[in-house]
Amino acid sequence: MGRLVLNHSTNIEGLIPILKKLALNINIKTVTPAVISRVRGRSSKLIIRLSVKTINGYKAIARKGKIAQEVFISTDLSKDELRRIINTCNN
């Protein structure tokens, strides 16, 4: 079971409950929401998409409306396994 690092005072609406579910997985060490930014596109609902591999795991991008937030996930899982876990937590 991993832990959710809450070091930001603001997060995308609805993101924290999904990240808490994600952190309950035994193969995930830490989940850290990071930088929030404005984006050009528009997403009607909250979407979490895996971006790039990092030293400890993966970087994901959470998007809702015109706001995007980076999320760092520390894990030893493969990209496909992590994507499947994120999709089940997002539903």
C-alpha atoms as a PDB file:
ATOM      1  CA  MET A   1       0.000   0.000   0.000  1.00  0.00           C
ATOM      2  CA  GLY A   2       1.401   3.357  -1.048  1.00  0.00           C
ATOM      3  CA  ARG A   3       0.939   6.828   0.343  1.00  0.00           C
ATOM      4  CA  LEU A   4      -0.512   9.998  -1.086  1.00  0.00           C
ATOM      5  CA  VAL A   5       1.741  13.034  -0.663  1.00  0.00           C
ATOM      6  CA  LEU A   6      -0.367  16.179  -0.226  1.00  0.00           C
ATOM      7  CA  ASN A   7       2.121  19.024  -0.499  1.00  0.00           C
ATOM      8  CA  HIS A   8      -0.055  21.419  -2.529  1.00  0.00           C
ATOM      9  CA  SER A   9      -2.944  23.405  -1.125  1.00  0.00           C
ATOM     10  CA  THR A  10      -4.817  23.291  -4.436  1.00  0.00           C
ATOM     11  CA  ASN A  11      -5.623  20.344  -6.648  1.00  0.00           C
ATOM     12  CA  ILE A  12      -7.965  19.700  -9.541  1.00  0.00           C
ATOM     13  CA  GLU A  13     -11.501  19.129  -8.282  1.00  0.00           C
ATOM     14  CA  GLY A  14     -12.166  15.399  -7.818  1.00  0.00           C
ATOM     15  CA  LEU A  15      -8.525  14.328  -8.222  1.00  0.00           C
ATOM     16  CA  ILE A  16      -7.676  13.495  -4.587  1.00  0.00           C
ATOM     17  CA  PRO A  17     -10.338  10.732  -4.137  1.00  0.00           C
ATOM     18  CA  ILE A  18      -9.046   9.012  -7.293  1.00  0.00           C
ATOM     19  CA  LEU A  19      -5.430   9.291  -6.125  1.00  0.00           C
ATOM     20  CA  LYS A  20      -6.385   7.863  -2.707  1.00  0.00           C
ATOM     21  CA  LYS A  21      -7.874   4.797  -4.443  1.00  0.00           C
ATOM     22  CA  LEU A  22      -4.743   4.528  -6.577  1.00  0.00           C
ATOM     23  CA  ALA A  23      -2.464   4.683  -3.515  1.00  0.00           C
ATOM     24  CA  LEU A  24      -4.291   1.695  -1.980  1.00  0.00           C
ATOM     25  CA  ASN A  25      -2.697  -0.593  -4.586  1.00  0.00           C
ATOM     26  CA  ILE A  26       0.084  -2.707  -3.064  1.00  0.00           C
ATOM     27  CA  ASN A  27       2.459  -2.119  -6.030  1.00  0.00           C
ATOM     28  CA  ILE A  28       2.361   1.679  -5.796  1.00  0.00           C
ATOM     29  CA  LYS A  29       4.815   3.354  -3.401  1.00  0.00           C
ATOM     30  CA  THR A  30       3.889   7.056  -3.567  1.00  0.00           C
ATOM     31  CA  VAL A  31       1.503   9.291  -5.485  1.00  0.00           C
ATOM     32  CA  THR A  32       2.447  12.987  -5.602  1.00  0.00           C
ATOM     33  CA  PRO A  33       0.282  15.643  -7.274  1.00  0.00           C
ATOM     34  CA  ALA A  34       2.470  18.481  -8.530  1.00  0.00           C
ATOM     35  CA  VAL A  35       2.305  21.574 -10.772  1.00  0.00           C
ATOM     36  CA  ILE A  36      -1.057  22.938 -11.914  1.00  0.00           C
ATOM     37  CA  SER A  37      -1.209  24.796 -15.224  1.00  0.00           C
ATOM     38  CA  ARG A  38      -3.714  26.182 -17.696  1.00  0.00           C
ATOM     39  CA  VAL A  39      -4.045  24.416 -21.046  1.00  0.00           C
ATOM     40  CA  ARG A  40      -5.585  25.356 -24.375  1.00  0.00           C
ATOM     41  CA  GLY A  41      -7.781  22.326 -24.912  1.00  0.00           C
ATOM     42  CA  ARG A  42     -10.902  21.535 -22.951  1.00  0.00           C
ATOM     43  CA  SER A  43     -11.779  18.277 -21.207  1.00  0.00           C
ATOM     44  CA  SER A  44     -15.356  17.869 -19.991  1.00  0.00           C
ATOM     45  CA  LYS A  45     -14.530  15.301 -17.296  1.00  0.00           C
ATOM     46  CA  LEU A  46     -11.473  14.415 -15.218  1.00  0.00           C
ATOM     47  CA  ILE A  47      -8.995  12.383 -17.270  1.00  0.00           C
ATOM     48  CA  ILE A  48      -5.706  10.911 -16.024  1.00  0.00           C
ATOM     49  CA  ARG A  49      -3.227   9.950 -18.748  1.00  0.00           C
ATOM     50  CA  LEU A  50       0.260   8.480 -18.355  1.00  0.00           C
ATOM     51  CA  SER A  51       2.934  10.703 -19.864  1.00  0.00           C
ATOM     52  CA  VAL A  52       6.600   9.681 -19.466  1.00  0.00           C
ATOM     53  CA  LYS A  53       8.716   7.238 -17.483  1.00  0.00           C
ATOM     54  CA  THR A  54      10.696   8.741 -14.612  1.00  0.00           C
ATOM     55  CA  ILE A  55      13.496   7.310 -12.476  1.00  0.00           C
ATOM     56  CA  ASN A  56      11.083   5.963  -9.833  1.00  0.00           C
ATOM     57  CA  GLY A  57       7.983   5.327 -11.938  1.00  0.00           C
ATOM     58  CA  TYR A  58       5.835   7.481 -14.201  1.00  0.00           C
ATOM     59  CA  LYS A  59       4.519  10.993 -14.649  1.00  0.00           C
ATOM     60  CA  ALA A  60       0.816  11.313 -15.360  1.00  0.00           C
ATOM     61  CA  ILE A  61      -1.246  14.294 -16.450  1.00  0.00           C
ATOM     62  CA  ALA A  62      -4.670  14.897 -14.888  1.00  0.00           C
ATOM     63  CA  ARG A  63      -6.930  17.210 -16.895  1.00  0.00           C
ATOM     64  CA  LYS A  64     -10.313  18.750 -16.266  1.00  0.00           C
ATOM     65  CA  GLY A  65     -11.690  21.747 -18.101  1.00  0.00           C
ATOM     66  CA  LYS A  66      -8.843  24.110 -18.942  1.00  0.00           C
ATOM     67  CA  ILE A  67      -6.628  22.960 -16.057  1.00  0.00           C
ATOM     68  CA  ALA A  68      -3.930  20.279 -16.067  1.00  0.00           C
ATOM     69  CA  GLN A  69      -1.948  18.902 -13.134  1.00  0.00           C
ATOM     70  CA  GLU A  70       1.131  16.702 -13.107  1.00  0.00           C
ATOM     71  CA  VAL A  71       0.999  13.586 -10.921  1.00  0.00           C
ATOM     72  CA  PHE A  72       4.129  11.580 -10.133  1.00  0.00           C
ATOM     73  CA  ILE A  73       3.590   7.882  -9.399  1.00  0.00           C
ATOM     74  CA  SER A  74       6.423   5.885  -7.838  1.00  0.00           C
ATOM     75  CA  THR A  75       6.048   2.200  -8.759  1.00  0.00           C
ATOM     76  CA  ASP A  76       7.762  -0.830 -10.281  1.00  0.00           C
ATOM     77  CA  LEU A  77       4.741  -1.691 -12.464  1.00  0.00           C
ATOM     78  CA  SER A  78       4.892  -1.618 -16.266  1.00  0.00           C
ATOM     79  CA  LYS A  79       3.161   1.195 -18.142  1.00  0.00           C
ATOM     80  CA  ASP A  80       0.318  -1.073 -19.306  1.00  0.00           C
ATOM     81  CA  GLU A  81      -0.341  -2.442 -15.804  1.00  0.00           C
ATOM     82  CA  LEU A  82      -0.348   1.053 -14.309  1.00  0.00           C
ATOM     83  CA  ARG A  83      -2.645   2.341 -17.061  1.00  0.00           C
ATOM     84  CA  ARG A  84      -5.103  -0.463 -16.294  1.00  0.00           C
ATOM     85  CA  ILE A  85      -5.067   0.359 -12.551  1.00  0.00           C
ATOM     86  CA  ILE A  86      -5.604   4.073 -13.245  1.00  0.00           C
ATOM     87  CA  ASN A  87      -8.551   3.287 -15.535  1.00  0.00           C
ATOM     88  CA  THR A  88     -10.226   1.143 -12.863  1.00  0.00           C
ATOM     89  CA  CYS A  89      -9.721   3.869 -10.201  1.00  0.00           C
ATOM     90  CA  ASN A  90     -11.028   6.560 -12.553  1.00  0.00           C
ATOM     91  CA  ASN A  91     -14.379   4.809 -13.083  1.00  0.00           C
END
